[in-house]
Protein backbone atom coordinates (compact mmCIF):
# COMPACT_ATOMS: atom_id res chain seq x y z
CA UNK A 1 86.92 54.72 116.92
CA UNK A 2 84.72 53.40 119.71
CA UNK A 3 83.31 50.81 117.34
CA UNK A 4 86.79 49.51 116.57
CA UNK A 5 87.65 49.35 120.28
CA UNK A 6 84.38 47.55 120.98
CA UNK A 7 85.05 44.98 118.23
CA UNK A 8 88.60 44.32 119.47
CA UNK A 9 87.49 43.88 123.07
CA UNK A 10 84.58 41.69 122.00
CA UNK A 11 86.94 39.37 120.10
CA UNK A 12 89.28 39.22 123.11
CA UNK A 13 86.51 38.31 125.54
CA UNK A 14 84.70 35.84 123.30
CA UNK A 15 88.01 34.40 122.10
CA UNK A 16 88.87 33.54 125.69
CA UNK A 17 85.42 32.04 126.17
CA UNK A 18 85.81 29.89 123.04
CA UNK A 19 89.21 28.63 124.24
CA UNK A 20 87.72 27.83 127.65
CA UNK A 21 84.78 26.02 126.01
CA UNK A 22 87.11 23.93 123.84
CA UNK A 23 89.25 22.96 126.84
CA UNK A 24 86.15 22.04 128.84
CA UNK A 25 84.73 20.00 125.97
CA UNK A 26 88.05 18.18 125.53
CA UNK A 27 88.17 17.35 129.25
CA UNK A 28 84.59 16.14 129.29
CA UNK A 29 85.12 13.99 126.19
CA UNK A 30 88.22 12.36 127.74
CA UNK A 31 86.22 11.54 130.88
CA UNK A 32 83.31 10.11 128.89
CA UNK A 33 85.61 7.97 126.74
CA UNK A 34 87.57 6.68 129.72
CA UNK A 35 84.73 6.08 132.16
CA UNK A 36 81.87 5.11 129.84
CA UNK A 37 82.90 4.05 126.33
CA UNK A 38 86.03 1.98 127.00
CA UNK A 39 84.41 -0.31 129.62
CA UNK A 40 81.31 -0.73 127.46
CA UNK A 41 83.51 -1.59 124.47
CA UNK A 42 85.46 -4.17 126.50
CA UNK A 43 82.30 -5.71 127.96
CA UNK A 44 80.83 -5.90 124.45
CA UNK A 45 83.92 -7.71 123.22
CA UNK A 46 83.71 -10.21 126.08
CA UNK A 47 80.02 -10.88 125.45
CA UNK A 48 80.73 -11.34 121.75
CA UNK A 49 83.27 -14.03 122.62
CA UNK A 50 86.31 -11.96 121.71
CA UNK A 51 88.07 -12.13 125.06
CA UNK A 52 91.31 -12.79 123.17
CA UNK A 53 91.10 -9.22 121.86
CA UNK A 54 89.57 -7.61 124.96
CA UNK A 55 92.22 -8.86 127.40
CA UNK A 56 95.26 -7.46 125.53
CA UNK A 57 93.47 -4.12 125.07
CA UNK A 58 92.76 -4.05 128.81
CA UNK A 59 96.41 -4.84 129.57
CA UNK A 60 97.74 -2.15 127.23
CA UNK A 61 95.37 0.50 128.61
CA UNK A 62 96.27 -0.48 132.17
CA UNK A 63 100.02 -0.33 131.55
CA UNK A 64 99.75 3.00 129.71
CA UNK A 65 97.67 4.48 132.53
CA UNK A 66 100.34 3.45 135.03
CA UNK A 67 103.26 4.78 132.98
CA UNK A 68 101.89 8.14 131.83
CA UNK A 69 102.29 10.76 134.58
CA UNK A 70 99.20 12.48 135.89
CA UNK A 71 98.73 16.15 135.11
CA UNK A 72 98.03 18.57 137.93
């Protein structure tokens, strides 16, 4: 009986930790993509001579970031 209780409580605790880890990883990946990868991608496009593609992407991302409400 104690073993069953231990297993249930262990799944509850580690389940919450897994959910927390997934939320943290999702938040960190959004920050990395927004702060690091998108500017590097746009700079790479400009250096490659594809400013005709980089500028509309920059405009769309800017407009979307202004329209979408901030959480918290």
